Protein backbone atom coordinates (compact mmCIF):
# COMPACT_ATOMS: atom_id res chain seq x y z
CA MET A 1 99.41 111.25 108.12
CA ASN A 2 98.43 107.42 108.63
CA LEU A 3 99.71 105.62 111.61
CA SER A 4 97.07 102.90 111.39
CA ASP A 5 99.84 100.37 110.14
CA SER A 6 103.24 101.46 111.44
CA GLN A 7 106.47 99.46 111.95
CA THR A 8 109.68 99.64 113.77
CA GLY A 9 112.17 101.61 111.78
CA GLY A 10 115.21 99.39 112.59
CA ALA A 11 115.80 95.87 112.04
CA GLY A 12 114.13 94.48 115.25
CA PRO A 13 111.42 92.03 114.44
CA ARG A 14 108.77 93.44 116.44
CA ARG A 15 105.75 95.04 114.92
CA VAL A 16 104.99 98.80 116.33
CA SER A 17 101.21 98.81 116.89
CA ALA A 18 98.79 101.30 115.67
CA THR A 19 98.46 102.61 119.43
CA GLU A 20 102.03 102.66 120.07
CA ALA A 21 102.81 104.88 116.83
CA VAL A 22 99.68 107.31 117.81
CA LEU A 23 101.34 107.44 121.57
CA ALA A 24 104.79 108.32 119.88
CA HIS A 25 103.31 110.72 117.74
CA LEU A 26 101.20 112.62 120.84
CA ARG A 27 103.94 112.07 123.17
CA ASP A 28 106.47 113.63 120.96
CA ALA A 29 104.18 116.52 120.62
CA ILE A 30 103.78 117.26 124.04
CA GLU A 31 107.15 116.95 124.98
CA ARG A 32 108.29 119.25 122.19
CA GLY A 33 105.85 121.89 123.52
CA ASP A 34 103.27 121.77 120.23
CA TRP A 35 100.96 121.41 123.22
CA ALA A 36 101.97 123.24 126.61
CA ILE A 37 100.77 122.52 129.91
CA GLY A 38 97.14 123.62 130.43
CA ASP A 39 96.37 123.07 126.39
CA LYS A 40 93.55 120.91 125.56
CA LEU A 41 94.28 118.39 122.91
CA PRO A 42 91.96 118.21 120.02
CA SER A 43 88.95 116.32 119.89
CA GLU A 44 88.74 112.36 119.39
CA ALA A 45 87.52 112.89 116.16
CA GLU A 46 89.70 115.51 114.82
CA LEU A 47 92.82 113.27 115.90
CA CYS A 48 91.38 110.18 114.62
CA ARG A 49 90.92 112.18 111.05
CA GLU A 50 94.38 113.45 111.27
CA LEU A 51 96.13 110.39 112.19
CA GLN A 52 93.95 108.02 110.10
CA VAL A 53 93.23 105.74 112.81
CA SER A 54 90.24 103.95 114.44
CA ARG A 55 88.63 105.67 117.85
CA PRO A 56 89.76 102.56 119.77
CA VAL A 57 93.12 102.82 118.93
CA LEU A 58 93.25 106.43 119.80
CA ARG A 59 91.60 105.93 123.24
CA GLU A 60 94.13 103.33 124.40
CA ALA A 61 96.92 105.87 123.47
CA LEU A 62 95.17 108.54 125.31
CA ARG A 63 94.70 106.23 128.02
CA ALA A 64 98.41 105.63 127.93
CA LEU A 65 99.16 109.24 128.11
CA GLN A 66 97.22 109.63 131.16
CA THR A 67 98.87 106.34 132.67
CA MET A 68 102.39 108.34 131.84
CA GLY A 69 100.96 111.27 133.87
CA LEU A 70 101.03 113.64 130.60
CA THR A 71 97.52 114.34 130.39
CA VAL A 72 94.07 114.37 132.51
CA SER A 73 90.63 113.54 131.19
CA ARG A 74 87.91 115.88 132.49
CA THR A 75 84.32 114.56 131.58
CA GLY A 76 82.39 116.87 129.07
CA LYS A 77 85.41 119.07 128.73
CA GLY A 78 88.13 116.87 127.01
CA THR A 79 91.81 115.91 127.44
CA PHE A 80 94.40 118.61 128.98
CA VAL A 81 98.10 118.50 129.24
CA VAL A 82 99.43 118.64 132.87
CA ALA A 83 103.04 117.63 132.17
CA ASP A 84 105.66 117.77 129.44
CA ALA A 85 107.78 115.01 130.51
CA VAL A 86 107.17 111.58 131.80
CA GLN A 87 108.04 110.91 135.31
CA ASP A 88 106.76 107.25 136.69
CA PRO A 89 103.40 105.56 135.10
CA THR A 90 100.56 105.48 137.49
CA PHE A 91 98.71 102.28 137.57
CA GLY A 92 95.42 102.90 139.43
CA ASP A 93 96.17 103.80 143.23
CA TYR A 94 100.08 102.75 142.68
CA THR A 95 103.06 104.25 140.75
CA ALA A 96 105.20 101.83 138.82
CA ALA A 97 108.03 102.22 141.03
CA HIS A 98 105.90 101.42 144.13
CA LEU A 99 104.45 98.18 142.27
CA MET A 100 107.89 96.81 141.41
CA GLU A 101 109.51 97.74 145.07
CA VAL A 102 106.37 95.50 146.48
CA ARG A 103 106.31 92.65 144.13
CA ARG A 104 110.18 92.13 144.60
CA HIS A 105 109.58 91.79 148.06
CA VAL A 106 106.86 89.56 147.79
CA GLU A 107 106.58 87.60 144.78
CA ILE A 108 110.32 86.50 144.59
CA PRO A 109 109.90 84.33 148.00
CA VAL A 110 106.34 83.95 147.25
CA ALA A 111 107.60 81.59 144.20
CA GLY A 112 110.27 79.95 146.41
CA TYR A 113 107.56 78.90 148.78
CA ALA A 114 104.93 77.90 146.04
CA ALA A 115 107.96 75.37 144.61
CA LEU A 116 108.17 73.90 148.10
CA ARG A 117 104.67 73.79 149.17
CA ARG A 118 102.49 73.57 146.10
CA THR A 119 99.80 70.88 145.70
CA THR A 120 98.71 68.92 142.48
CA GLU A 121 95.75 71.09 142.51
CA ASP A 122 97.56 74.19 142.67
CA LEU A 123 99.84 73.06 139.91
CA ASP A 124 96.97 71.82 137.84
CA ARG A 125 95.30 75.32 138.30
CA LEU A 126 98.41 77.26 137.44
CA ARG A 127 98.96 74.96 134.01
CA GLY A 128 95.33 75.58 133.08
CA LEU A 129 95.80 79.87 133.32
CA LEU A 130 98.95 79.42 131.72
CA ALA A 131 97.43 77.31 128.54
CA ARG A 132 94.60 79.83 128.23
CA MET A 133 97.08 83.11 128.46
CA GLU A 134 98.81 81.37 125.76
CA GLY A 135 95.84 81.07 123.44
CA GLU A 136 94.55 84.34 124.33
CA THR A 137 94.70 87.29 121.80
CA ASP A 138 92.41 90.01 123.78
CA THR A 139 94.83 92.55 125.69
CA THR A 140 92.35 92.84 128.48
CA ALA A 141 91.37 89.15 128.82
CA TRP A 142 95.06 88.09 129.01
CA ALA A 143 95.78 90.89 131.74
CA ALA A 144 92.61 89.55 133.82
CA MET A 145 94.01 86.00 133.71
CA ASP A 146 97.73 87.45 134.30
CA THR A 147 96.47 88.52 137.59
CA LEU A 148 94.90 85.33 138.46
CA PHE A 149 97.78 83.54 137.81
CA HIS A 150 100.02 85.63 140.39
CA LEU A 151 96.94 85.13 142.86
CA ALA A 152 97.03 81.30 142.21
CA LEU A 153 100.85 81.34 142.66
CA ALA A 154 100.29 83.43 146.01
CA GLU A 155 97.81 80.82 147.03
CA ALA A 156 100.29 78.09 146.20
CA ALA A 157 102.93 79.35 148.78
CA GLN A 158 99.97 78.39 151.27
CA ASN A 159 100.17 81.84 153.21
CA PRO A 160 96.91 83.57 153.21
CA VAL A 161 98.95 87.18 153.82
CA PHE A 162 100.25 86.41 150.68
CA ARG A 163 97.33 86.33 148.57
CA ARG A 164 96.05 89.33 150.62
CA VAL A 165 98.60 91.69 149.42
CA ILE A 166 98.26 90.31 145.61
CA GLU A 167 94.66 91.06 146.09
CA GLU A 168 95.38 94.51 147.12
CA ILE A 169 97.19 95.23 144.15
CA ARG A 170 95.33 93.18 141.72
CA ASP A 171 93.59 95.93 139.60
CA ALA A 172 97.16 97.82 139.49
CA LEU A 173 98.39 94.75 138.32
CA ALA A 174 96.08 94.11 135.68
CA ARG A 175 96.48 97.90 134.35
CA GLN A 176 100.40 97.40 134.27
CA SER A 177 100.09 94.15 132.33
CA ALA A 178 97.69 95.71 129.69
CA PHE A 179 99.99 98.59 129.34
CA LEU A 180 102.91 96.53 128.78
CA ASN A 181 101.41 94.36 126.55
CA GLU A 182 100.13 97.16 124.32
CA LEU A 183 103.00 99.20 124.22
CA GLY A 184 105.98 97.01 124.88
CA GLY A 185 104.97 93.82 123.07
CA ARG A 186 105.19 91.88 126.50
CA ARG A 187 102.49 89.30 126.19
CA ALA A 188 104.59 86.37 124.34
CA HIS A 189 107.75 86.80 126.84
CA SER A 190 105.60 87.12 129.87
CA ASP A 191 103.74 83.55 128.66
CA ARG A 192 107.25 82.19 128.24
CA GLU A 193 108.44 83.49 131.68
CA HIS A 194 104.96 82.06 133.40
CA ARG A 195 105.91 78.85 131.90
CA ALA A 196 109.59 78.78 133.35
CA LEU A 197 108.07 79.54 136.73
CA VAL A 198 105.45 76.53 136.28
CA GLU A 199 108.00 74.21 135.28
CA ALA A 200 110.11 75.16 138.30
CA LEU A 201 107.32 74.55 140.37
CA ALA A 202 106.34 71.28 138.89
CA ALA A 203 110.03 70.26 139.44
CA GLY A 204 109.72 71.47 143.25
CA SER A 205 112.75 73.62 142.91
CA GLU A 206 112.77 76.75 145.22
CA PRO A 207 115.88 77.98 143.62
CA ASP A 208 114.71 77.69 139.96
CA ALA A 209 111.19 79.44 141.09
CA VAL A 210 113.02 82.18 142.89
CA ARG A 211 115.21 82.89 139.45
CA ALA A 212 112.32 82.51 137.03
CA MET A 213 110.43 85.18 139.11
CA THR A 214 113.49 87.35 139.74
CA HIS A 215 113.80 87.27 135.54
CA HIS A 216 110.30 87.88 135.20
CA LEU A 217 110.40 91.22 137.35
CA ASP A 218 113.57 92.03 135.82
CA ARG A 219 111.90 92.05 132.25
CA VAL A 220 108.87 93.91 133.42
CA GLU A 221 110.83 96.64 134.93
CA THR A 222 113.31 96.93 131.94
CA THR A 223 110.15 97.25 129.62
CA LEU A 224 108.56 99.60 131.84
CA THR A 225 111.91 101.80 131.56
CA ASP A 226 112.18 101.33 128.03
CA ILE A 227 108.60 102.87 127.13
CA VAL A 228 109.41 105.60 129.82
CA ARG A 229 112.62 106.77 128.31
CA SER A 230 111.65 105.88 124.52
CA ALA A 231 113.37 108.21 122.16
CA ARG A 232 110.70 110.70 120.43
CA THR A 233 109.50 109.65 117.06
CA PRO A 234 110.65 112.10 114.49
CA GLY A 235 107.83 113.08 112.02
CA PRO A 236 105.79 116.03 110.93
CA ARG A 237 104.74 118.39 113.79
CA THR A 238 101.19 118.23 115.35
CA THR A 239 99.29 121.43 115.10
CA PRO A 240 98.28 122.57 118.62
CA ALA A 241 94.88 123.16 119.34
CA PRO A 242 94.45 127.06 120.02
CA ALA A 243 93.76 128.71 123.15
CA ARG A 244 89.92 127.95 124.09
CA PRO A 245 87.88 129.64 126.89
CA ASP A 246 86.55 126.38 127.95
CA ASN A 247 90.46 125.46 129.26
CA PRO A 248 90.50 125.54 132.92
CA GLN A 249 94.09 125.70 133.11
CA ALA A 250 95.05 128.30 130.63
CA VAL A 251 96.25 131.48 132.02
């Protein structure tokens, strides 16, 4: 089976990355019961060989499975199934639901205050970050700059408490950004949404800034929901790994 160059099956223009295809395949096998809770997944070498993908692509998909709460990785032992359905993705110390709740209560008013209080230096910093993000192709680097953008926005609101809150969730934001970009194709959309926000700040329009941030967070939440609820991809069944004595959850 070759998942290294997959595409969407419908008429939509977005190309499905190899990571998305591998994730859909592995998730489908888990949700279908090919691997039961407690089972150990085949080794990375076995999965790469079967799916005909590179190890970095496979590892990104395996990380996504963990973020979705379907598996856990145990050092020196392998990856084990711990759930057969996705609930709420976790990014570091926080669930997606907790992050979204806080972001709506913090970042929407932050955008409004920033439109009223930002300095020329604040605007230059945000424009510079946006320009770098629009030219970045590496997901990890883009996600890091995304968190810097949101920190800079909080600083532009001229209230140190806002920045402290964003600083606290900074790692979770970076993890969430990478997750959405890799599996939801969010990067170009986020860049456009960030540009609308910067334009609102440049115009000093509080209502426009609030609307821009609200739209941005709406799209983030929608993409998260789509990923969690995504239909299982039909295809050949993956042969589950046999029970092994090194499976600590096998009963």
